[in-house]
């Protein structure tokens, strides 16, 4: 128990004491940056983020507002890189890093999960996973990646390895100020997907066949096109042959592709 004459000091009191004299105050993790699960609906403890606790007028001893590195858990490299950038600035050997209007490092949290996701190409073509374990885009089974500011898909979880979507999990928005309340219930398709994924499917139904047609053509050497049999000399299986429509389409395609060159040669 407490030693006589001493008392336990709550973390809130430590923050109130130390923050004014700190060179920089950095909140790491979603609980510290936005309140997270402890501050969710029904919170009876008074939990809140460091930004809410210190207020909008807070500045560190060297004039910085609270710097936020969200994530549950946050990417470790995001924290160490931000600390290094701030230390270089405080030592006068580097510029002040760019932060967004919520104090997040802009170069780390400026893009969405979706833009760095390995599965984003499937979204573009309107192809979506139907269950966990499928390789396609996860939006229709509960992924919030298109609207969440986070770099875990491009940075990885540890040593540039892993990350939720990279290993088959959906994004539940854990880096965002609205987490968890505004992203619950988890693992359920966001309402906006009704519009966005439907539009993607419509566009994708047109784009996919065109890309497959071009892919079939680019998977052939020019020599094979001029060979009488038209078949590649491979023993690995039956290679798909261009259809009559493929040939007509690529004659027109190649004419357009070389039109600028032909015009310059005249």
Protein backbone atom coordinates (compact mmCIF):
# COMPACT_ATOMS: atom_id res chain seq x y z
CA UNK A 1 0.00 0.00 0.00
CA UNK A 2 0.98 3.70 -0.07
CA UNK A 3 3.88 4.68 2.14
CA UNK A 4 2.83 6.99 4.97
CA UNK A 5 2.97 10.60 3.89
CA UNK A 6 2.92 9.71 0.20
CA UNK A 7 0.11 9.28 -2.28
CA UNK A 8 -0.43 7.79 -5.70
CA UNK A 9 -0.44 10.43 -8.43
CA UNK A 10 -2.96 9.89 -11.27
CA UNK A 11 -1.70 10.12 -14.84
CA UNK A 12 -3.96 13.14 -15.41
CA UNK A 13 -2.10 15.03 -12.70
CA UNK A 14 1.26 14.04 -14.16
CA UNK A 15 0.13 15.33 -17.56
CA UNK A 16 -1.05 18.61 -16.04
CA UNK A 17 2.26 19.06 -14.22
CA UNK A 18 4.67 18.03 -16.96
CA UNK A 19 3.01 19.22 -20.18
CA UNK A 20 3.68 22.98 -19.74
CA UNK A 21 7.43 22.43 -19.41
CA UNK A 22 7.78 19.73 -22.07
CA UNK A 23 9.69 20.54 -25.26
CA UNK A 24 7.02 18.54 -27.12
CA UNK A 25 4.02 16.54 -25.95
CA UNK A 26 3.35 13.45 -28.07
CA UNK A 27 0.27 11.27 -27.63
CA UNK A 28 0.86 7.74 -28.90
CA UNK A 29 -1.98 5.30 -29.49
CA UNK A 30 -5.67 5.96 -30.06
CA UNK A 31 -6.54 6.02 -26.34
CA UNK A 32 -4.09 8.89 -25.86
CA UNK A 33 -4.85 10.71 -29.12
CA UNK A 34 -8.66 10.49 -29.35
CA UNK A 35 -9.84 8.67 -26.22
CA UNK A 36 -10.36 5.34 -27.96
CA UNK A 37 -12.27 2.49 -26.34
CA UNK A 38 -12.06 3.90 -22.76
CA UNK A 39 -13.82 7.09 -23.93
CA UNK A 40 -16.47 5.30 -26.01
CA UNK A 41 -20.21 5.69 -25.47
CA UNK A 42 -21.16 4.75 -21.93
CA UNK A 43 -17.81 5.90 -20.54
CA UNK A 44 -18.24 6.40 -16.79
CA UNK A 45 -14.58 7.07 -15.99
CA UNK A 46 -14.24 10.48 -17.60
CA UNK A 47 -11.59 9.12 -19.98
CA UNK A 48 -10.54 11.51 -22.73
CA UNK A 49 -7.71 12.21 -25.11
CA UNK A 50 -4.64 14.24 -24.18
CA UNK A 51 -5.76 16.91 -26.65
CA UNK A 52 -9.17 17.17 -24.96
CA UNK A 53 -7.54 17.20 -21.53
CA UNK A 54 -4.98 19.94 -22.27
CA UNK A 55 -7.29 21.97 -24.53
CA UNK A 56 -6.96 23.83 -27.81
CA UNK A 57 -4.83 26.61 -26.30
CA UNK A 58 -2.12 24.26 -25.04
CA UNK A 59 1.40 24.80 -26.33
CA UNK A 60 4.57 23.06 -25.19
CA UNK A 61 7.51 25.03 -23.83
CA UNK A 62 8.77 25.39 -27.39
CA UNK A 63 5.39 26.34 -28.84
CA UNK A 64 4.02 23.04 -30.18
CA UNK A 65 0.42 21.80 -29.74
CA UNK A 66 -0.09 18.13 -28.88
CA UNK A 67 1.33 15.83 -31.57
CA UNK A 68 -0.88 12.79 -32.23
CA UNK A 69 0.26 9.33 -33.37
CA UNK A 70 -3.00 7.32 -33.44
CA UNK A 71 -3.46 3.59 -33.90
CA UNK A 72 -4.62 0.61 -31.87
CA UNK A 73 -1.88 -0.34 -31.71
CA UNK A 74 0.05 2.38 -33.58
CA UNK A 75 2.73 1.56 -36.12
CA UNK A 76 6.00 1.77 -34.18
CA UNK A 77 7.89 3.30 -37.10
CA UNK A 78 5.38 6.15 -37.22
CA UNK A 79 6.23 7.06 -33.64
CA UNK A 80 10.01 6.82 -33.90
CA UNK A 81 10.07 8.67 -37.22
CA UNK A 82 7.96 11.50 -35.79
CA UNK A 83 10.11 11.76 -32.66
CA UNK A 84 13.25 11.91 -34.80
CA UNK A 85 11.75 14.63 -37.03
CA UNK A 86 10.69 16.72 -34.02
CA UNK A 87 14.09 16.34 -32.32
CA UNK A 88 15.85 17.48 -35.49
CA UNK A 89 13.59 20.53 -35.55
CA UNK A 90 14.11 21.30 -31.86
CA UNK A 91 17.88 21.06 -32.37
CA UNK A 92 17.67 23.52 -35.24
CA UNK A 93 18.98 21.10 -37.86
CA UNK A 94 15.71 20.36 -39.64
CA UNK A 95 12.45 22.07 -40.62
CA UNK A 96 9.27 21.77 -38.58
CA UNK A 97 7.56 18.61 -39.87
CA UNK A 98 4.19 19.08 -41.53
CA UNK A 99 1.19 18.17 -39.37
CA UNK A 100 -2.49 18.16 -40.29
CA UNK A 101 -5.20 20.10 -38.46
CA UNK A 102 -5.50 17.34 -35.84
CA UNK A 103 -1.79 17.19 -35.08
CA UNK A 104 -1.08 14.02 -37.05
CA UNK A 105 2.15 13.81 -39.10
CA UNK A 106 0.82 14.69 -42.55
CA UNK A 107 3.37 12.59 -44.39
CA UNK A 108 2.28 9.50 -42.46
CA UNK A 109 -1.49 9.99 -42.10
CA UNK A 110 -2.25 12.11 -45.16
CA UNK A 111 -3.49 9.22 -47.30
CA UNK A 112 -6.18 6.62 -46.72
CA UNK A 113 -5.68 2.94 -46.04
CA UNK A 114 -7.33 2.18 -49.38
CA UNK A 115 -4.82 4.12 -51.47
CA UNK A 116 -1.96 2.01 -50.20
CA UNK A 117 -3.85 -1.28 -50.07
CA UNK A 118 -2.71 -4.29 -52.06
CA UNK A 119 -6.37 -5.05 -52.79
CA UNK A 120 -7.31 -1.60 -54.14
CA UNK A 121 -7.02 -2.76 -57.75
CA UNK A 122 -9.90 -5.18 -57.18
CA UNK A 123 -12.07 -2.31 -55.95
CA UNK A 124 -11.31 -0.37 -59.11
CA UNK A 125 -12.50 -3.31 -61.20
CA UNK A 126 -15.58 -3.86 -59.04
CA UNK A 127 -14.50 -7.23 -57.65
CA UNK A 128 -15.16 -7.81 -53.95
CA UNK A 129 -14.48 -10.54 -51.40
CA UNK A 130 -17.52 -12.50 -50.28
CA UNK A 131 -15.89 -13.99 -47.19
CA UNK A 132 -12.67 -13.77 -45.20
CA UNK A 133 -9.81 -15.48 -46.97
CA UNK A 134 -10.79 -14.21 -50.43
CA UNK A 135 -8.11 -12.21 -52.23
CA UNK A 136 -10.37 -9.41 -53.50
CA UNK A 137 -11.28 -6.04 -51.95
CA UNK A 138 -12.75 -6.35 -48.43
CA UNK A 139 -15.10 -3.34 -48.49
CA UNK A 140 -18.29 -5.39 -48.75
CA UNK A 141 -17.44 -7.48 -45.70
CA UNK A 142 -16.79 -4.54 -43.40
CA UNK A 143 -13.61 -2.69 -44.43
CA UNK A 144 -13.56 1.08 -43.82
CA UNK A 145 -10.23 1.56 -45.63
CA UNK A 146 -11.42 4.09 -48.25
CA UNK A 147 -12.13 6.72 -45.57
CA UNK A 148 -9.54 5.97 -42.87
CA UNK A 149 -6.30 7.94 -42.55
CA UNK A 150 -3.58 5.37 -41.93
CA UNK A 151 -0.47 4.02 -43.64
CA UNK A 152 -0.42 0.49 -42.26
CA UNK A 153 -1.00 -1.15 -45.65
CA UNK A 154 2.07 0.52 -47.13
CA UNK A 155 4.22 0.68 -43.97
CA UNK A 156 3.36 -2.66 -42.42
CA UNK A 157 2.87 -3.38 -38.74
CA UNK A 158 6.42 -4.36 -37.73
CA UNK A 159 9.56 -4.02 -39.85
CA UNK A 160 7.42 -3.32 -42.92
CA UNK A 161 5.70 -6.69 -42.54
CA UNK A 162 2.03 -7.40 -41.91
CA UNK A 163 -0.78 -4.90 -41.52
CA UNK A 164 -4.51 -5.57 -41.23
CA UNK A 165 -5.54 -5.76 -44.90
CA UNK A 166 -2.22 -7.28 -45.96
CA UNK A 167 -2.99 -10.37 -43.89
CA UNK A 168 -6.70 -10.57 -44.68
CA UNK A 169 -8.30 -8.42 -41.98
CA UNK A 170 -10.65 -5.49 -42.56
CA UNK A 171 -9.97 -1.92 -41.46
CA UNK A 172 -12.14 -0.97 -38.47
CA UNK A 173 -10.93 2.64 -38.34
CA UNK A 174 -8.78 2.40 -35.22
CA UNK A 175 -6.66 5.46 -36.12
CA UNK A 176 -9.65 7.80 -36.43
CA UNK A 177 -11.11 10.21 -33.85
CA UNK A 178 -14.54 8.58 -34.28
CA UNK A 179 -13.27 5.13 -33.24
CA UNK A 180 -14.91 2.99 -31.96
CA UNK A 181 -18.41 4.51 -31.80
CA UNK A 182 -18.66 5.74 -35.38
CA UNK A 183 -17.31 2.49 -36.84
CA UNK A 184 -19.46 0.03 -34.90
CA UNK A 185 -20.74 -2.56 -35.47
CA UNK A 186 -17.44 -3.97 -36.71
CA UNK A 187 -17.21 -6.45 -39.60
CA UNK A 188 -20.37 -5.12 -41.21
CA UNK A 189 -20.30 -3.38 -44.59
CA UNK A 190 -20.35 0.43 -44.19
CA UNK A 191 -23.63 1.93 -45.50
CA UNK A 192 -21.75 3.97 -48.11
CA UNK A 193 -20.66 0.82 -49.91
CA UNK A 194 -24.16 0.49 -51.36
CA UNK A 195 -23.37 3.48 -53.56
CA UNK A 196 -19.60 3.23 -54.03
CA UNK A 197 -19.28 -0.50 -54.64
CA UNK A 198 -22.30 -0.54 -56.96
CA UNK A 199 -20.73 2.24 -59.03
CA UNK A 200 -17.42 0.38 -58.99
CA UNK A 201 -19.11 -2.81 -60.21
CA UNK A 202 -20.76 -0.96 -63.09
CA UNK A 203 -17.51 0.65 -64.21
CA UNK A 204 -15.57 -2.55 -63.55
CA UNK A 205 -17.90 -4.60 -65.74
CA UNK A 206 -16.69 -2.47 -68.65
CA UNK A 207 -13.04 -2.09 -67.64
CA UNK A 208 -12.31 -5.74 -66.79
CA UNK A 209 -13.04 -7.19 -70.26
CA UNK A 210 -10.97 -4.47 -71.95
CA UNK A 211 -8.02 -5.13 -69.67
CA UNK A 212 -8.25 -8.89 -70.15
CA UNK A 213 -8.29 -8.38 -73.90
CA UNK A 214 -5.16 -6.23 -73.76
CA UNK A 215 -3.56 -8.65 -71.31
CA UNK A 216 -4.10 -11.58 -73.68
CA UNK A 217 -2.46 -9.65 -76.51
CA UNK A 218 0.52 -8.46 -74.41
CA UNK A 219 1.07 -12.02 -73.25
CA UNK A 220 2.13 -12.92 -76.80
CA UNK A 221 5.41 -12.35 -78.64
CA UNK A 222 5.16 -10.55 -82.00
CA UNK A 223 6.70 -13.68 -83.58
CA UNK A 224 3.73 -15.76 -82.46
CA UNK A 225 1.28 -13.33 -84.05
CA UNK A 226 2.98 -13.79 -87.43
CA UNK A 227 3.39 -17.54 -87.14
CA UNK A 228 0.92 -19.54 -89.22
CA UNK A 229 -0.29 -21.60 -86.27
CA UNK A 230 -0.44 -18.58 -83.99
CA UNK A 231 0.43 -20.82 -81.06
CA UNK A 232 3.30 -20.19 -78.66
CA UNK A 233 5.85 -23.03 -78.43
CA UNK A 234 5.12 -23.84 -74.80
CA UNK A 235 4.64 -27.19 -73.17
CA UNK A 236 2.97 -25.77 -70.09
CA UNK A 237 -0.56 -25.87 -71.36
CA UNK A 238 -2.94 -24.46 -73.92
CA UNK A 239 -2.25 -20.76 -74.27
CA UNK A 240 -5.35 -18.69 -75.01
CA UNK A 241 -5.57 -17.58 -78.62
CA UNK A 242 -6.74 -14.11 -79.70
CA UNK A 243 -10.28 -14.06 -81.01
CA UNK A 244 -11.38 -12.29 -84.19
CA UNK A 245 -12.72 -9.43 -82.05
CA UNK A 246 -9.37 -9.25 -80.22
CA UNK A 247 -7.49 -8.89 -83.51
CA UNK A 248 -9.76 -6.16 -84.86
CA UNK A 249 -9.68 -4.27 -81.55
CA UNK A 250 -5.88 -4.33 -81.37
CA UNK A 251 -5.42 -3.20 -84.95
CA UNK A 252 -7.44 -0.11 -84.02
CA UNK A 253 -5.67 0.16 -80.65
CA UNK A 254 -2.19 0.05 -82.20
CA UNK A 255 -3.20 2.58 -84.84
CA UNK A 256 -4.21 4.99 -82.08
CA UNK A 257 -1.09 4.20 -80.07
CA UNK A 258 1.18 5.16 -82.97
CA UNK A 259 -0.93 8.01 -84.34
CA UNK A 260 1.29 10.76 -82.85
CA UNK A 261 4.43 9.16 -84.28
CA UNK A 262 2.85 8.81 -87.72
CA UNK A 263 1.77 12.46 -87.68
CA UNK A 264 5.31 13.65 -86.81
CA UNK A 265 6.83 11.58 -89.63
CA UNK A 266 4.70 13.27 -92.28
